[in-house]
Amino acid sequence: MRLKYRLSPGEIAREMVLPPLPSDALAIVTTLVTALAITAYGPAAGLILLSGAALSLILVKQVREHHKRKLRAEAENAALREALRESNLNLAARLVGQLALRDGHAQAHAAASAIYAEDLAREMGLGDGRAQEVRLAALLQDVGLLYVPDEVLLTPPEKLNSLGRMRLEEHPVSSEKVLAEVPGLHEAAQWVRWHHERVDGTGYPDRLRGEWLPLEARILATAAFYASLVLDSPHSQRRSPEEARRALIEEMDQAVDGLVAKTFLRVLDREGASYATASDGRFRFPEEEVAPPPAADNVYQLHGLS
């Protein structure tokens, strides 16, 4: 093995010598004990002992094969999840890029909300995989605005009539419909539906109170609320980080969940000034990773929405 395959002694030991040692040692011990049993109790005892040992070896082999198949399946699933995540990020970039053609604020808000939501999810102990799902949901939470008429989208919310407010408040449901059709995003679709709900029950579209909202939805709401404060929008100017923090504190247990908001304030304390203003390189929208966005008509046809 050393000459033919240029394996080091350590590699030979790890790959060829060590793996079969337990089963070989068991076979030797079984042979010795069987010989003693035949000597002491006769051939029948030795046959019973040998049969039991052979069965044990078969079971050990089956357990090993099952473990190998499990490891292979886990590796394949991990690769599939990674590929699915990348394709979903591409979808997010294309849809939000299409929305940005109507509202230049959309991309910056989506990117900032995604970074804040992902960091907040990790800070609250949700784990890397869950945090990435929350990030993707934050990127896509406002794609339902694609189906809101221009005259509603470009009008300041406080100047909308009842019909305009109704059309605007339908966009989380439209976003949910888009995500529900994407493999792997069925659960995230519900978080997106509720990202405009308020803890005090006065949000939309379902007027749910905080105790009925998943933690992920409350994280999305907090991240999006803060991002909307520190970024320029068509209807308002950005606030300073200090002003945004005060606004977040004032809305605890009203617009946003108090525990989530306190956790986010801790993240802001730990990060730098550019993080608090969503202005460093992390907040750049990943549009360069994908092809140009599809035409609006194609997006509408793809998701069956009007």
C-alpha atoms as a PDB file:
ATOM      1  CA  MET A   1       0.000   0.000   0.000  1.00  0.00           C
ATOM      2  CA  ARG A   2       2.892   2.324   0.764  1.00  0.00           C
ATOM      3  CA  LEU A   3       4.579   1.752  -2.623  1.00  0.00           C
ATOM      4  CA  LYS A   4       1.539   1.298  -4.848  1.00  0.00           C
ATOM      5  CA  TYR A   5      -0.782   4.015  -3.513  1.00  0.00           C
ATOM      6  CA  ARG A   6       1.773   6.270  -1.788  1.00  0.00           C
ATOM      7  CA  LEU A   7      -0.113   6.139   1.482  1.00  0.00           C
ATOM      8  CA  SER A   8       1.635   7.232   4.653  1.00  0.00           C
ATOM      9  CA  PRO A   9       1.858   4.787   7.582  1.00  0.00           C
ATOM     10  CA  GLY A  10      -0.699   6.894   9.445  1.00  0.00           C
ATOM     11  CA  GLU A  11      -3.145   6.756   6.535  1.00  0.00           C
ATOM     12  CA  ILE A  12      -2.666   2.990   6.213  1.00  0.00           C
ATOM     13  CA  ALA A  13      -3.400   2.583   9.909  1.00  0.00           C
ATOM     14  CA  ARG A  14      -6.483   4.815   9.839  1.00  0.00           C
ATOM     15  CA  GLU A  15      -7.954   3.473   6.597  1.00  0.00           C
ATOM     16  CA  MET A  16      -7.029  -0.234   6.663  1.00  0.00           C
ATOM     17  CA  VAL A  17      -5.737  -1.417  10.026  1.00  0.00           C
ATOM     18  CA  LEU A  18      -7.887   0.272  12.654  1.00  0.00           C
ATOM     19  CA  PRO A  19     -11.419  -0.141  11.171  1.00  0.00           C
ATOM     20  CA  PRO A  20     -11.499  -3.965  11.179  1.00  0.00           C
ATOM     21  CA  LEU A  21      -9.658  -4.365  14.507  1.00  0.00           C
ATOM     22  CA  PRO A  22     -12.765  -4.526  16.749  1.00  0.00           C
ATOM     23  CA  SER A  23     -14.473  -7.212  14.666  1.00  0.00           C
ATOM     24  CA  ASP A  24     -11.210  -9.189  14.256  1.00  0.00           C
ATOM     25  CA  ALA A  25     -10.571  -9.030  17.987  1.00  0.00           C
ATOM     26  CA  LEU A  26     -14.118 -10.206  18.641  1.00  0.00           C
ATOM     27  CA  ALA A  27     -13.622 -13.129  16.240  1.00  0.00           C
ATOM     28  CA  ILE A  28     -10.428 -14.204  18.035  1.00  0.00           C
ATOM     29  CA  VAL A  29     -12.045 -13.957  21.467  1.00  0.00           C
ATOM     30  CA  THR A  30     -15.067 -15.904  20.198  1.00  0.00           C
ATOM     31  CA  THR A  31     -12.814 -18.695  18.870  1.00  0.00           C
ATOM     32  CA  LEU A  32     -10.933 -18.980  22.144  1.00  0.00           C
ATOM     33  CA  VAL A  33     -14.078 -18.968  24.289  1.00  0.00           C
ATOM     34  CA  THR A  34     -15.718 -21.531  21.961  1.00  0.00           C
ATOM     35  CA  ALA A  35     -12.710 -23.837  22.316  1.00  0.00           C
ATOM     36  CA  LEU A  36     -12.890 -23.546  26.104  1.00  0.00           C
ATOM     37  CA  ALA A  37     -16.656 -24.193  26.060  1.00  0.00           C
ATOM     38  CA  ILE A  38     -16.183 -27.343  23.959  1.00  0.00           C
ATOM     39  CA  THR A  39     -13.505 -28.567  26.366  1.00  0.00           C
ATOM     40  CA  ALA A  40     -15.553 -27.849  29.464  1.00  0.00           C
ATOM     41  CA  TYR A  41     -19.134 -28.534  28.402  1.00  0.00           C
ATOM     42  CA  GLY A  42     -19.033 -30.482  25.161  1.00  0.00           C
ATOM     43  CA  PRO A  43     -19.643 -29.743  21.456  1.00  0.00           C
ATOM     44  CA  ALA A  44     -23.262 -28.585  21.941  1.00  0.00           C
ATOM     45  CA  ALA A  45     -22.248 -25.663  24.148  1.00  0.00           C
ATOM     46  CA  GLY A  46     -19.547 -24.657  21.693  1.00  0.00           C
ATOM     47  CA  LEU A  47     -22.022 -24.757  18.791  1.00  0.00           C
ATOM     48  CA  ILE A  48     -24.517 -22.568  20.671  1.00  0.00           C
ATOM     49  CA  LEU A  49     -21.803 -20.058  21.605  1.00  0.00           C
ATOM     50  CA  LEU A  50     -20.414 -19.967  18.077  1.00  0.00           C
ATOM     51  CA  SER A  51     -23.885 -19.446  16.587  1.00  0.00           C
ATOM     52  CA  GLY A  52     -24.543 -16.553  18.963  1.00  0.00           C
ATOM     53  CA  ALA A  53     -21.213 -14.949  18.107  1.00  0.00           C
ATOM     54  CA  ALA A  54     -21.848 -15.312  14.377  1.00  0.00           C
ATOM     55  CA  LEU A  55     -25.260 -13.695  14.786  1.00  0.00           C
ATOM     56  CA  SER A  56     -23.660 -10.851  16.752  1.00  0.00           C
ATOM     57  CA  LEU A  57     -21.132 -10.255  13.976  1.00  0.00           C
ATOM     58  CA  ILE A  58     -23.917 -10.153  11.398  1.00  0.00           C
ATOM     59  CA  LEU A  59     -25.839  -7.641  13.480  1.00  0.00           C
ATOM     60  CA  VAL A  60     -22.726  -5.491  13.988  1.00  0.00           C
ATOM     61  CA  LYS A  61     -22.167  -5.464  10.223  1.00  0.00           C
ATOM     62  CA  GLN A  62     -25.779  -4.466   9.597  1.00  0.00           C
ATOM     63  CA  VAL A  63     -25.536  -1.650  12.147  1.00  0.00           C
ATOM     64  CA  ARG A  64     -22.370  -0.371  10.450  1.00  0.00           C
ATOM     65  CA  GLU A  65     -23.971  -0.473   7.012  1.00  0.00           C
ATOM     66  CA  HIS A  66     -27.032   1.345   8.328  1.00  0.00           C
ATOM     67  CA  HIS A  67     -24.779   3.998   9.880  1.00  0.00           C
ATOM     68  CA  LYS A  68     -22.903   4.439   6.590  1.00  0.00           C
ATOM     69  CA  ARG A  69     -26.172   4.806   4.663  1.00  0.00           C
ATOM     70  CA  LYS A  70     -27.379   7.343   7.227  1.00  0.00           C
ATOM     71  CA  LEU A  71     -24.178   9.384   6.880  1.00  0.00           C
ATOM     72  CA  ARG A  72     -24.454   9.302   3.075  1.00  0.00           C
ATOM     73  CA  ALA A  73     -28.095  10.386   3.230  1.00  0.00           C
ATOM     74  CA  GLU A  74     -27.244  13.220   5.621  1.00  0.00           C
ATOM     75  CA  ALA A  75     -24.447  14.416   3.327  1.00  0.00           C
ATOM     76  CA  GLU A  76     -26.740  14.289   0.289  1.00  0.00           C
ATOM     77  CA  ASN A  77     -29.497  16.148   2.150  1.00  0.00           C
ATOM     78  CA  ALA A  78     -27.037  18.808   3.283  1.00  0.00           C
ATOM     79  CA  ALA A  79     -25.840  19.292  -0.301  1.00  0.00           C
ATOM     80  CA  LEU A  80     -29.449  19.455  -1.510  1.00  0.00           C
ATOM     81  CA  ARG A  81     -30.378  22.035   1.143  1.00  0.00           C
ATOM     82  CA  GLU A  82     -27.375  24.160   0.190  1.00  0.00           C
ATOM     83  CA  ALA A  83     -28.269  24.013  -3.504  1.00  0.00           C
ATOM     84  CA  LEU A  84     -31.892  24.852  -2.675  1.00  0.00           C
ATOM     85  CA  ARG A  85     -30.800  27.765  -0.497  1.00  0.00           C
ATOM     86  CA  GLU A  86     -28.643  29.176  -3.288  1.00  0.00           C
ATOM     87  CA  SER A  87     -31.445  28.861  -5.840  1.00  0.00           C
ATOM     88  CA  ASN A  88     -33.879  30.533  -3.433  1.00  0.00           C
ATOM     89  CA  LEU A  89     -31.428  33.394  -2.876  1.00  0.00           C
ATOM     90  CA  ASN A  90     -31.298  33.830  -6.631  1.00  0.00           C
ATOM     91  CA  LEU A  91     -35.094  33.916  -6.722  1.00  0.00           C
ATOM     92  CA  ALA A  92     -35.125  36.500  -3.934  1.00  0.00           C
ATOM     93  CA  ALA A  93     -32.643  38.713  -5.766  1.00  0.00           C
ATOM     94  CA  ARG A  94     -34.665  38.570  -8.974  1.00  0.00           C
ATOM     95  CA  LEU A  95     -38.018  39.327  -7.380  1.00  0.00           C
ATOM     96  CA  VAL A  96     -36.708  42.120  -5.174  1.00  0.00           C
ATOM     97  CA  GLY A  97     -34.779  43.470  -8.146  1.00  0.00           C
ATOM     98  CA  GLN A  98     -38.055  43.665 -10.042  1.00  0.00           C
ATOM     99  CA  LEU A  99     -39.670  45.489  -7.133  1.00  0.00           C
ATOM    100  CA  ALA A 100     -36.759  47.945  -7.060  1.00  0.00           C
ATOM    101  CA  LEU A 101     -37.694  49.086 -10.557  1.00  0.00           C
ATOM    102  CA  ARG A 102     -40.812  50.603  -8.988  1.00  0.00           C
ATOM    103  CA  ASP A 103     -39.448  51.512  -5.558  1.00  0.00           C
ATOM    104  CA  GLY A 104     -35.727  52.244  -5.189  1.00  0.00           C
ATOM    105  CA  HIS A 105     -36.026  51.721  -1.438  1.00  0.00           C
ATOM    106  CA  ALA A 106     -36.929  48.019  -1.726  1.00  0.00           C
ATOM    107  CA  GLN A 107     -33.479  46.508  -2.270  1.00  0.00           C
ATOM    108  CA  ALA A 108     -31.767  48.431   0.520  1.00  0.00           C
ATOM    109  CA  HIS A 109     -34.574  47.645   2.953  1.00  0.00           C
ATOM    110  CA  ALA A 110     -34.620  43.951   2.011  1.00  0.00           C
ATOM    111  CA  ALA A 111     -30.828  43.623   2.407  1.00  0.00           C
ATOM    112  CA  ALA A 112     -30.774  45.430   5.772  1.00  0.00           C
ATOM    113  CA  SER A 113     -33.778  43.504   7.109  1.00  0.00           C
ATOM    114  CA  ALA A 114     -32.155  40.216   6.058  1.00  0.00           C
ATOM    115  CA  ILE A 115     -28.843  40.906   7.823  1.00  0.00           C
ATOM    116  CA  TYR A 116     -30.518  42.184  10.976  1.00  0.00           C
ATOM    117  CA  ALA A 117     -32.978  39.273  11.047  1.00  0.00           C
ATOM    118  CA  GLU A 118     -30.268  36.645  10.520  1.00  0.00           C
ATOM    119  CA  ASP A 119     -28.040  38.067  13.261  1.00  0.00           C
ATOM    120  CA  LEU A 120     -30.995  38.405  15.600  1.00  0.00           C
ATOM    121  CA  ALA A 121     -32.072  34.801  14.983  1.00  0.00           C
ATOM    122  CA  ARG A 122     -28.581  33.559  15.834  1.00  0.00           C
ATOM    123  CA  GLU A 123     -28.465  35.757  18.935  1.00  0.00           C
ATOM    124  CA  MET A 124     -31.729  34.182  20.091  1.00  0.00           C
ATOM    125  CA  GLY A 125     -30.295  30.694  19.693  1.00  0.00           C
ATOM    126  CA  LEU A 126     -32.131  29.518  16.593  1.00  0.00           C
ATOM    127  CA  GLY A 127     -28.983  28.043  14.990  1.00  0.00           C
ATOM    128  CA  ASP A 128     -27.279  28.655  11.659  1.00  0.00           C
ATOM    129  CA  GLY A 129     -29.753  26.736   9.490  1.00  0.00           C
ATOM    130  CA  ARG A 130     -32.793  28.443  10.969  1.00  0.00           C
ATOM    131  CA  ALA A 131     -31.068  31.826  10.845  1.00  0.00           C
ATOM    132  CA  GLN A 132     -30.465  31.401   7.108  1.00  0.00           C
ATOM    133  CA  GLU A 133     -34.146  30.575   6.596  1.00  0.00           C
ATOM    134  CA  VAL A 134     -35.083  33.731   8.501  1.00  0.00           C
ATOM    135  CA  ARG A 135     -32.666  35.720   6.341  1.00  0.00           C
ATOM    136  CA  LEU A 136     -34.273  34.417   3.160  1.00  0.00           C
ATOM    137  CA  ALA A 137     -37.749  35.177   4.511  1.00  0.00           C
ATOM    138  CA  ALA A 138     -36.635  38.740   5.279  1.00  0.00           C
ATOM    139  CA  LEU A 139     -35.356  39.174   1.732  1.00  0.00           C
ATOM    140  CA  LEU A 140     -38.693  38.064   0.313  1.00  0.00           C
ATOM    141  CA  GLN A 141     -41.128  39.443   2.872  1.00  0.00           C
ATOM    142  CA  ASP A 142     -42.195  42.410   0.724  1.00  0.00           C
ATOM    143  CA  VAL A 143     -42.339  40.843  -2.756  1.00  0.00           C
ATOM    144  CA  GLY A 144     -46.121  41.025  -2.452  1.00  0.00           C
ATOM    145  CA  LEU A 145     -45.739  44.754  -3.134  1.00  0.00           C
ATOM    146  CA  LEU A 146     -45.254  43.733  -6.778  1.00  0.00           C
ATOM    147  CA  TYR A 147     -49.017  43.284  -6.911  1.00  0.00           C
ATOM    148  CA  VAL A 148     -49.908  46.610  -5.283  1.00  0.00           C
ATOM    149  CA  PRO A 149     -50.897  49.336  -7.794  1.00  0.00           C
ATOM    150  CA  ASP A 150     -48.394  52.137  -8.365  1.00  0.00           C
ATOM    151  CA  GLU A 151     -50.805  54.796  -7.165  1.00  0.00           C
ATOM    152  CA  VAL A 152     -51.023  52.996  -3.804  1.00  0.00           C
ATOM    153  CA  LEU A 153     -47.348  52.075  -3.501  1.00  0.00           C
ATOM    154  CA  LEU A 154     -46.102  55.576  -4.258  1.00  0.00           C
ATOM    155  CA  THR A 155     -48.603  57.378  -1.992  1.00  0.00           C
ATOM    156  CA  PRO A 156     -47.582  58.106   1.629  1.00  0.00           C
ATOM    157  CA  PRO A 157     -49.443  55.618   3.881  1.00  0.00           C
ATOM    158  CA  GLU A 158     -51.037  58.374   5.965  1.00  0.00           C
ATOM    159  CA  LYS A 159     -52.637  59.826   2.810  1.00  0.00           C
ATOM    160  CA  LEU A 160     -54.204  56.584   1.587  1.00  0.00           C
ATOM    161  CA  ASN A 161     -57.968  56.185   1.658  1.00  0.00           C
ATOM    162  CA  SER A 162     -59.593  53.051   3.055  1.00  0.00           C
ATOM    163  CA  LEU A 163     -59.393  51.209  -0.298  1.00  0.00           C
ATOM    164  CA  GLY A 164     -55.722  52.104  -0.731  1.00  0.00           C
ATOM    165  CA  ARG A 165     -54.896  50.928   2.800  1.00  0.00           C
ATOM    166  CA  MET A 166     -56.729  47.680   2.126  1.00  0.00           C
ATOM    167  CA  ARG A 167     -54.686  47.078  -1.042  1.00  0.00           C
ATOM    168  CA  LEU A 168     -51.455  47.872   0.783  1.00  0.00           C
ATOM    169  CA  GLU A 169     -52.299  45.580   3.683  1.00  0.00           C
ATOM    170  CA  GLU A 170     -52.869  42.707   1.256  1.00  0.00           C
ATOM    171  CA  HIS A 171     -49.176  42.518   0.336  1.00  0.00           C
ATOM    172  CA  PRO A 172     -48.121  40.121   3.151  1.00  0.00           C
ATOM    173  CA  VAL A 173     -50.725  37.637   1.884  1.00  0.00           C
ATOM    174  CA  SER A 174     -49.402  38.020  -1.661  1.00  0.00           C
ATOM    175  CA  SER A 175     -45.858  37.480  -0.374  1.00  0.00           C
ATOM    176  CA  GLU A 176     -47.033  34.340   1.409  1.00  0.00           C
ATOM    177  CA  LYS A 177     -48.527  32.985  -1.828  1.00  0.00           C
ATOM    178  CA  VAL A 178     -45.238  33.546  -3.666  1.00  0.00           C
ATOM    179  CA  LEU A 179     -43.155  31.772  -1.003  1.00  0.00           C
ATOM    180  CA  ALA A 180     -45.635  28.919  -0.543  1.00  0.00           C
ATOM    181  CA  GLU A 181     -44.995  27.845  -4.144  1.00  0.00           C
ATOM    182  CA  VAL A 182     -41.211  27.633  -3.634  1.00  0.00           C
ATOM    183  CA  PRO A 183     -39.853  24.261  -2.392  1.00  0.00           C
ATOM    184  CA  GLY A 184     -38.500  24.493   1.135  1.00  0.00           C
ATOM    185  CA  LEU A 185     -40.201  27.798   1.994  1.00  0.00           C
ATOM    186  CA  HIS A 186     -43.642  26.665   3.175  1.00  0.00           C
ATOM    187  CA  GLU A 187     -42.928  27.460   6.823  1.00  0.00           C
ATOM    188  CA  ALA A 188     -41.170  30.728   5.966  1.00  0.00           C
ATOM    189  CA  ALA A 189     -44.277  31.731   4.015  1.00  0.00           C
ATOM    190  CA  GLN A 190     -46.241  31.911   7.273  1.00  0.00           C
ATOM    191  CA  TRP A 191     -43.592  34.070   8.957  1.00  0.00           C
ATOM    192  CA  VAL A 192     -43.772  36.447   6.002  1.00  0.00           C
ATOM    193  CA  ARG A 193     -47.570  36.604   6.190  1.00  0.00           C
ATOM    194  CA  TRP A 194     -47.296  37.865   9.772  1.00  0.00           C
ATOM    195  CA  HIS A 195     -44.291  40.194   9.568  1.00  0.00           C
ATOM    196  CA  HIS A 196     -46.605  43.258   9.757  1.00  0.00           C
ATOM    197  CA  GLU A 197     -48.541  41.945  12.740  1.00  0.00           C
ATOM    198  CA  ARG A 198     -48.073  43.905  15.971  1.00  0.00           C
ATOM    199  CA  VAL A 199     -47.624  42.437  19.436  1.00  0.00           C
ATOM    200  CA  ASP A 200     -50.602  44.491  20.659  1.00  0.00           C
ATOM    201  CA  GLY A 201     -52.872  42.917  18.015  1.00  0.00           C
ATOM    202  CA  THR A 202     -53.379  46.000  15.817  1.00  0.00           C
ATOM    203  CA  GLY A 203     -51.251  44.831  12.882  1.00  0.00           C
ATOM    204  CA  TYR A 204     -52.302  43.160   9.652  1.00  0.00           C
ATOM    205  CA  PRO A 205     -53.496  41.030   7.856  1.00  0.00           C
ATOM    206  CA  ASP A 206     -54.837  38.790  10.664  1.00  0.00           C
ATOM    207  CA  ARG A 207     -54.713  41.099  13.732  1.00  0.00           C
ATOM    208  CA  LEU A 208     -52.834  38.467  15.742  1.00  0.00           C
ATOM    209  CA  ARG A 209     -51.449  39.274  19.175  1.00  0.00           C
ATOM    210  CA  GLY A 210     -47.856  38.523  20.141  1.00  0.00           C
ATOM    211  CA  GLU A 211     -48.468  35.219  21.917  1.00  0.00           C
ATOM    212  CA  TRP A 212     -49.878  33.772  18.682  1.00  0.00           C
ATOM    213  CA  LEU A 213     -46.956  34.829  16.516  1.00  0.00           C
ATOM    214  CA  PRO A 214     -43.985  32.522  15.843  1.00  0.00           C
ATOM    215  CA  LEU A 215     -40.643  33.813  17.105  1.00  0.00           C
ATOM    216  CA  GLU A 216     -39.414  34.002  13.504  1.00  0.00           C
ATOM    217  CA  ALA A 217     -42.266  36.351  12.558  1.00  0.00           C
ATOM    218  CA  ARG A 218     -41.482  38.574  15.547  1.00  0.00           C
ATOM    219  CA  ILE A 219     -37.822  38.653  14.502  1.00  0.00           C
ATOM    220  CA  LEU A 220     -38.800  39.704  10.970  1.00  0.00           C
ATOM    221  CA  ALA A 221     -41.018  42.464  12.348  1.00  0.00           C
ATOM    222  CA  THR A 222     -38.273  43.850  14.602  1.00  0.00           C
ATOM    223  CA  ALA A 223     -35.579  43.742  11.916  1.00  0.00           C
ATOM    224  CA  ALA A 224     -37.816  45.348   9.291  1.00  0.00           C
ATOM    225  CA  PHE A 225     -38.996  48.043  11.727  1.00  0.00           C
ATOM    226  CA  TYR A 226     -35.458  49.101  12.629  1.00  0.00           C
ATOM    227  CA  ALA A 227     -34.270  48.948   8.997  1.00  0.00           C
ATOM    228  CA  SER A 228     -37.136  51.222   7.952  1.00  0.00           C
ATOM    229  CA  LEU A 229     -35.937  53.794  10.493  1.00  0.00           C
ATOM    230  CA  VAL A 230     -32.263  53.992   9.507  1.00  0.00           C
ATOM    231  CA  LEU A 231     -32.804  53.949   5.728  1.00  0.00           C
ATOM    232  CA  ASP A 232     -34.255  56.557   3.417  1.00  0.00           C
ATOM    233  CA  SER A 233     -37.611  55.703   1.886  1.00  0.00           C
ATOM    234  CA  PRO A 234     -39.826  57.413  -0.692  1.00  0.00           C
ATOM    235  CA  HIS A 235     -41.940  58.815   2.150  1.00  0.00           C
ATOM    236  CA  SER A 236     -39.471  59.510   4.982  1.00  0.00           C
ATOM    237  CA  GLN A 237     -35.866  60.376   5.699  1.00  0.00           C
ATOM    238  CA  ARG A 238     -33.523  58.160   7.628  1.00  0.00           C
ATOM    239  CA  ARG A 239     -33.089  58.644  11.351  1.00  0.00           C
ATOM    240  CA  SER A 240     -29.876  58.548  13.314  1.00  0.00           C
ATOM    241  CA  PRO A 241     -29.070  55.307  15.176  1.00  0.00           C
ATOM    242  CA  GLU A 242     -29.848  57.017  18.477  1.00  0.00           C
ATOM    243  CA  GLU A 243     -33.270  58.116  17.242  1.00  0.00           C
ATOM    244  CA  ALA A 244     -33.947  54.668  15.811  1.00  0.00           C
ATOM    245  CA  ARG A 245     -33.038  53.026  19.124  1.00  0.00           C
ATOM    246  CA  ARG A 246     -35.394  55.336  21.005  1.00  0.00           C
ATOM    247  CA  ALA A 247     -38.196  54.577  18.565  1.00  0.00           C
ATOM    248  CA  LEU A 248     -37.576  50.838  18.949  1.00  0.00           C
ATOM    249  CA  ILE A 249     -37.678  51.126  22.737  1.00  0.00           C
ATOM    250  CA  GLU A 250     -40.907  53.146  22.595  1.00  0.00           C
ATOM    251  CA  GLU A 251     -42.565  50.440  20.476  1.00  0.00           C
ATOM    252  CA  MET A 252     -41.614  47.520  22.745  1.00  0.00           C
ATOM    253  CA  ASP A 253     -44.630  45.293  23.443  1.00  0.00           C
ATOM    254  CA  GLN A 254     -46.680  47.395  21.042  1.00  0.00           C
ATOM    255  CA  ALA A 255     -45.343  47.169  17.486  1.00  0.00           C
ATOM    256  CA  VAL A 256     -42.484  44.780  18.323  1.00  0.00           C
ATOM    257  CA  ASP A 257     -41.875  42.029  20.835  1.00  0.00           C
ATOM    258  CA  GLY A 258     -40.075  43.335  23.927  1.00  0.00           C
ATOM    259  CA  LEU A 259     -37.701  40.383  24.344  1.00  0.00           C
ATOM    260  CA  VAL A 260     -36.751  40.369  20.652  1.00  0.00           C
ATOM    261  CA  ALA A 261     -36.197  44.140  20.689  1.00  0.00           C
ATOM    262  CA  LYS A 262     -33.976  43.941  23.802  1.00  0.00           C
ATOM    263  CA  THR A 263     -31.951  41.187  22.161  1.00  0.00           C
ATOM    264  CA  PHE A 264     -31.534  43.304  19.043  1.00  0.00           C
ATOM    265  CA  LEU A 265     -30.375  46.273  21.119  1.00  0.00           C
ATOM    266  CA  ARG A 266     -27.712  43.990  22.551  1.00  0.00           C
ATOM    267  CA  VAL A 267     -26.588  43.105  19.017  1.00  0.00           C
ATOM    268  CA  LEU A 268     -26.448  46.810  18.114  1.00  0.00           C
ATOM    269  CA  ASP A 269     -24.336  47.533  21.198  1.00  0.00           C
ATOM    270  CA  ARG A 270     -21.863  44.874  20.147  1.00  0.00           C
ATOM    271  CA  GLU A 271     -21.557  45.902  16.490  1.00  0.00           C
ATOM    272  CA  GLY A 272     -20.079  49.105  15.072  1.00  0.00           C
ATOM    273  CA  ALA A 273     -21.616  52.353  13.890  1.00  0.00           C
ATOM    274  CA  SER A 274     -21.772  51.224  10.242  1.00  0.00           C
ATOM    275  CA  TYR A 275     -23.865  48.238  11.342  1.00  0.00           C
ATOM    276  CA  ALA A 276     -26.331  50.473  13.157  1.00  0.00           C
ATOM    277  CA  THR A 277     -26.781  52.554  10.000  1.00  0.00           C
ATOM    278  CA  ALA A 278     -26.865  49.541   7.611  1.00  0.00           C
ATOM    279  CA  SER A 279     -23.999  51.047   5.629  1.00  0.00           C
ATOM    280  CA  ASP A 280     -21.155  48.533   5.595  1.00  0.00           C
ATOM    281  CA  GLY A 281     -20.413  45.894   2.942  1.00  0.00           C
ATOM    282  CA  ARG A 282     -22.630  43.244   4.511  1.00  0.00           C
ATOM    283  CA  PHE A 283     -25.734  45.244   3.610  1.00  0.00           C
ATOM    284  CA  ARG A 284     -25.089  45.261  -0.122  1.00  0.00           C
ATOM    285  CA  PHE A 285     -27.881  43.504  -1.962  1.00  0.00           C
ATOM    286  CA  PRO A 286     -26.542  40.361  -3.773  1.00  0.00           C
ATOM    287  CA  GLU A 287     -27.855  41.341  -7.210  1.00  0.00           C
ATOM    288  CA  GLU A 288     -24.540  40.618  -8.969  1.00  0.00           C
ATOM    289  CA  GLU A 289     -24.904  36.904  -8.225  1.00  0.00           C
ATOM    290  CA  VAL A 290     -27.881  36.398 -10.502  1.00  0.00           C
ATOM    291  CA  ALA A 291     -29.142  37.092 -13.983  1.00  0.00           C
ATOM    292  CA  PRO A 292     -31.264  40.208 -14.636  1.00  0.00           C
ATOM    293  CA  PRO A 293     -34.771  40.068 -13.137  1.00  0.00           C
ATOM    294  CA  PRO A 294     -37.592  38.680 -15.278  1.00  0.00           C
ATOM    295  CA  ALA A 295     -40.202  40.928 -16.802  1.00  0.00           C
ATOM    296  CA  ALA A 296     -43.045  41.918 -14.505  1.00  0.00           C
ATOM    297  CA  ASP A 297     -45.646  40.127 -16.639  1.00  0.00           C
ATOM    298  CA  ASN A 298     -43.662  36.904 -16.380  1.00  0.00           C
ATOM    299  CA  VAL A 299     -43.480  37.192 -12.595  1.00  0.00           C
ATOM    300  CA  TYR A 300     -47.230  37.683 -12.353  1.00  0.00           C
ATOM    301  CA  GLN A 301     -47.894  34.713 -14.639  1.00  0.00           C
ATOM    302  CA  LEU A 302     -45.422  32.524 -12.722  1.00  0.00           C
ATOM    303  CA  HIS A 303     -47.251  32.948  -9.424  1.00  0.00           C
ATOM    304  CA  GLY A 304     -50.804  33.278 -10.702  1.00  0.00           C
ATOM    305  CA  LEU A 305     -51.371  36.612  -8.970  1.00  0.00           C
ATOM    306  CA  SER A 306     -52.895  39.834 -10.222  1.00  0.00           C
END
